[in-house]
Amino acid sequence: MSATYVFTVTGMHCASCGLLIDETLEDEVPGVQRAETSVRKGHTVVTGDDGLDPAIVAAAITAAGYQAVLAPQP
């Protein structure tokens, strides 16, 4: 099974910002299966293992130089 989280991300200015976030999450955060960032929409969608902690994902985005907040789940 997998879990999906959406993070509102601020501080992005171009497509390279989104690529950096995606690569950081996929390469450095255990349990992340896929990350898709939309600079235009200002969010990152993360799919990962059921045990994935959204706080760790947000911290990794912050460490990459952006601000991330877990969006309310519908």
N, C-alpha and C. Protein backbone atom coordinates (compact mmCIF):
# COMPACT_ATOMS: atom_id res chain seq x y z
N MET A 1 0.82 -1.19 0.00
CA MET A 1 0.00 0.00 0.00
C MET A 1 0.85 1.24 0.00
N SER A 2 0.25 2.34 -0.39
CA SER A 2 1.00 3.58 -0.39
C SER A 2 0.12 4.72 0.13
N ALA A 3 0.78 5.78 0.52
CA ALA A 3 0.11 6.98 1.01
C ALA A 3 0.48 8.14 0.10
N THR A 4 -0.45 9.08 -0.05
CA THR A 4 -0.20 10.26 -0.86
C THR A 4 -0.45 11.50 -0.02
N TYR A 5 0.50 12.43 -0.09
CA TYR A 5 0.40 13.69 0.64
C TYR A 5 0.62 14.84 -0.32
N VAL A 6 -0.07 15.94 -0.07
CA VAL A 6 0.11 17.15 -0.85
C VAL A 6 0.65 18.23 0.08
N PHE A 7 1.74 18.88 -0.36
CA PHE A 7 2.36 19.95 0.42
C PHE A 7 2.26 21.25 -0.36
N THR A 8 1.83 22.31 0.32
CA THR A 8 1.90 23.64 -0.26
C THR A 8 3.34 24.10 -0.09
N VAL A 9 3.97 24.52 -1.19
CA VAL A 9 5.39 24.89 -1.16
C VAL A 9 5.53 26.34 -1.64
N THR A 10 6.25 27.15 -0.87
CA THR A 10 6.52 28.52 -1.27
C THR A 10 8.03 28.70 -1.41
N GLY A 11 8.38 29.73 -2.16
CA GLY A 11 9.79 30.03 -2.38
C GLY A 11 10.33 29.51 -3.69
N MET A 12 9.48 28.84 -4.49
CA MET A 12 9.92 28.33 -5.78
C MET A 12 9.79 29.44 -6.83
N HIS A 13 10.75 29.49 -7.76
CA HIS A 13 10.74 30.53 -8.77
C HIS A 13 10.77 30.01 -10.20
N CYS A 14 11.22 28.76 -10.39
CA CYS A 14 11.34 28.25 -11.75
C CYS A 14 11.25 26.72 -11.73
N ALA A 15 11.26 26.14 -12.91
CA ALA A 15 11.15 24.68 -13.03
C ALA A 15 12.30 23.96 -12.32
N SER A 16 13.46 24.59 -12.29
CA SER A 16 14.61 23.97 -11.61
C SER A 16 14.34 23.78 -10.12
N CYS A 17 13.59 24.71 -9.54
CA CYS A 17 13.23 24.58 -8.12
C CYS A 17 12.42 23.30 -7.91
N GLY A 18 11.44 23.08 -8.78
CA GLY A 18 10.62 21.89 -8.66
C GLY A 18 11.42 20.62 -8.86
N LEU A 19 12.31 20.64 -9.82
CA LEU A 19 13.17 19.49 -10.07
C LEU A 19 14.06 19.18 -8.87
N LEU A 20 14.60 20.22 -8.26
CA LEU A 20 15.44 20.04 -7.07
C LEU A 20 14.65 19.39 -5.93
N ILE A 21 13.43 19.85 -5.72
CA ILE A 21 12.60 19.27 -4.67
C ILE A 21 12.31 17.80 -4.96
N ASP A 22 11.90 17.51 -6.19
CA ASP A 22 11.59 16.12 -6.55
C ASP A 22 12.80 15.21 -6.36
N GLU A 23 13.95 15.64 -6.85
CA GLU A 23 15.16 14.82 -6.72
C GLU A 23 15.56 14.64 -5.27
N THR A 24 15.46 15.70 -4.49
CA THR A 24 15.81 15.61 -3.06
C THR A 24 14.93 14.59 -2.36
N LEU A 25 13.63 14.68 -2.58
CA LEU A 25 12.71 13.75 -1.90
C LEU A 25 12.91 12.31 -2.36
N GLU A 26 13.01 12.11 -3.66
CA GLU A 26 13.14 10.75 -4.18
C GLU A 26 14.47 10.11 -3.84
N ASP A 27 15.53 10.91 -3.76
CA ASP A 27 16.87 10.36 -3.52
C ASP A 27 17.25 10.29 -2.04
N GLU A 28 16.69 11.17 -1.21
CA GLU A 28 17.19 11.30 0.15
C GLU A 28 16.20 10.95 1.26
N VAL A 29 14.92 10.81 0.95
CA VAL A 29 13.94 10.53 2.00
C VAL A 29 13.48 9.08 1.87
N PRO A 30 13.84 8.24 2.83
CA PRO A 30 13.42 6.84 2.77
C PRO A 30 11.90 6.73 2.77
N GLY A 31 11.39 5.88 1.89
CA GLY A 31 9.95 5.66 1.83
C GLY A 31 9.25 6.46 0.75
N VAL A 32 9.91 7.49 0.20
CA VAL A 32 9.30 8.26 -0.88
C VAL A 32 9.45 7.46 -2.18
N GLN A 33 8.33 7.19 -2.81
CA GLN A 33 8.34 6.46 -4.07
C GLN A 33 8.37 7.43 -5.25
N ARG A 34 7.63 8.54 -5.11
CA ARG A 34 7.55 9.51 -6.20
C ARG A 34 7.19 10.88 -5.66
N ALA A 35 7.79 11.90 -6.25
CA ALA A 35 7.46 13.28 -5.91
C ALA A 35 7.22 14.04 -7.21
N GLU A 36 6.15 14.81 -7.25
CA GLU A 36 5.82 15.61 -8.42
C GLU A 36 5.52 17.03 -7.96
N THR A 37 6.37 17.96 -8.33
CA THR A 37 6.22 19.34 -7.92
C THR A 37 5.74 20.19 -9.09
N SER A 38 4.75 21.03 -8.82
CA SER A 38 4.26 21.99 -9.80
C SER A 38 4.58 23.39 -9.27
N VAL A 39 5.51 24.06 -9.92
CA VAL A 39 5.85 25.41 -9.51
C VAL A 39 4.66 26.32 -9.75
N ARG A 40 3.97 26.14 -10.84
CA ARG A 40 2.82 26.97 -11.19
C ARG A 40 1.71 26.85 -10.14
N LYS A 41 1.45 25.63 -9.68
CA LYS A 41 0.40 25.41 -8.68
C LYS A 41 0.90 25.61 -7.25
N GLY A 42 2.22 25.62 -7.08
CA GLY A 42 2.79 25.83 -5.75
C GLY A 42 2.61 24.67 -4.80
N HIS A 43 2.68 23.46 -5.36
CA HIS A 43 2.58 22.30 -4.48
C HIS A 43 3.42 21.12 -4.97
N THR A 44 3.62 20.22 -4.01
CA THR A 44 4.32 18.97 -4.29
C THR A 44 3.43 17.82 -3.86
N VAL A 45 3.24 16.85 -4.73
CA VAL A 45 2.48 15.65 -4.41
C VAL A 45 3.50 14.53 -4.20
N VAL A 46 3.43 13.91 -3.03
CA VAL A 46 4.38 12.87 -2.66
C VAL A 46 3.64 11.56 -2.44
N THR A 47 4.09 10.52 -3.11
CA THR A 47 3.56 9.18 -2.90
C THR A 47 4.66 8.36 -2.25
N GLY A 48 4.29 7.63 -1.20
CA GLY A 48 5.30 6.85 -0.50
C GLY A 48 4.71 5.69 0.26
N ASP A 49 5.57 5.01 0.98
CA ASP A 49 5.16 3.88 1.80
C ASP A 49 4.16 4.33 2.86
N ASP A 50 3.34 3.39 3.33
CA ASP A 50 2.35 3.71 4.36
C ASP A 50 2.96 4.36 5.59
N GLY A 51 4.16 3.98 5.95
CA GLY A 51 4.80 4.51 7.15
C GLY A 51 5.49 5.84 6.96
N LEU A 52 5.38 6.43 5.77
CA LEU A 52 6.06 7.70 5.49
C LEU A 52 5.52 8.80 6.39
N ASP A 53 6.43 9.49 7.05
CA ASP A 53 6.07 10.58 7.97
C ASP A 53 6.07 11.90 7.20
N PRO A 54 4.91 12.56 7.08
CA PRO A 54 4.87 13.82 6.34
C PRO A 54 5.76 14.91 6.94
N ALA A 55 6.02 14.84 8.22
CA ALA A 55 6.90 15.83 8.86
C ALA A 55 8.33 15.70 8.33
N ILE A 56 8.77 14.49 8.04
CA ILE A 56 10.11 14.28 7.49
C ILE A 56 10.18 14.81 6.06
N VAL A 57 9.11 14.63 5.30
CA VAL A 57 9.06 15.15 3.94
C VAL A 57 9.13 16.68 3.97
N ALA A 58 8.31 17.30 4.83
CA ALA A 58 8.31 18.77 4.94
C ALA A 58 9.68 19.28 5.36
N ALA A 59 10.33 18.58 6.28
CA ALA A 59 11.67 18.99 6.73
C ALA A 59 12.69 18.90 5.59
N ALA A 60 12.57 17.90 4.74
CA ALA A 60 13.49 17.76 3.61
C ALA A 60 13.28 18.89 2.60
N ILE A 61 12.03 19.27 2.37
CA ILE A 61 11.75 20.39 1.47
C ILE A 61 12.32 21.67 2.05
N THR A 62 12.15 21.86 3.35
CA THR A 62 12.69 23.04 4.02
C THR A 62 14.21 23.06 3.95
N ALA A 63 14.84 21.91 4.15
CA ALA A 63 16.30 21.83 4.08
C ALA A 63 16.82 22.15 2.68
N ALA A 64 15.97 21.91 1.66
CA ALA A 64 16.36 22.23 0.28
C ALA A 64 16.21 23.72 -0.03
N GLY A 65 15.64 24.48 0.93
CA GLY A 65 15.56 25.92 0.77
C GLY A 65 14.18 26.49 0.50
N TYR A 66 13.15 25.71 0.73
CA TYR A 66 11.78 26.15 0.47
C TYR A 66 10.95 25.98 1.73
N GLN A 67 9.75 26.53 1.74
CA GLN A 67 8.85 26.36 2.86
C GLN A 67 7.74 25.39 2.44
N ALA A 68 7.46 24.43 3.30
CA ALA A 68 6.45 23.42 2.98
C ALA A 68 5.49 23.21 4.14
N VAL A 69 4.21 23.14 3.80
CA VAL A 69 3.17 22.88 4.79
C VAL A 69 2.26 21.79 4.22
N LEU A 70 1.97 20.81 5.03
CA LEU A 70 1.05 19.75 4.61
C LEU A 70 -0.32 20.36 4.34
N ALA A 71 -0.83 20.16 3.15
CA ALA A 71 -2.14 20.69 2.78
C ALA A 71 -3.23 19.86 3.46
N PRO A 72 -4.35 20.49 3.77
CA PRO A 72 -5.47 19.72 4.37
C PRO A 72 -5.90 18.59 3.44
N GLN A 73 -6.14 17.45 4.02
CA GLN A 73 -6.56 16.28 3.25
C GLN A 73 -8.08 16.32 3.08
N PRO A 74 -8.57 16.07 1.86
CA PRO A 74 -10.04 16.13 1.63
C PRO A 74 -10.76 14.99 2.33
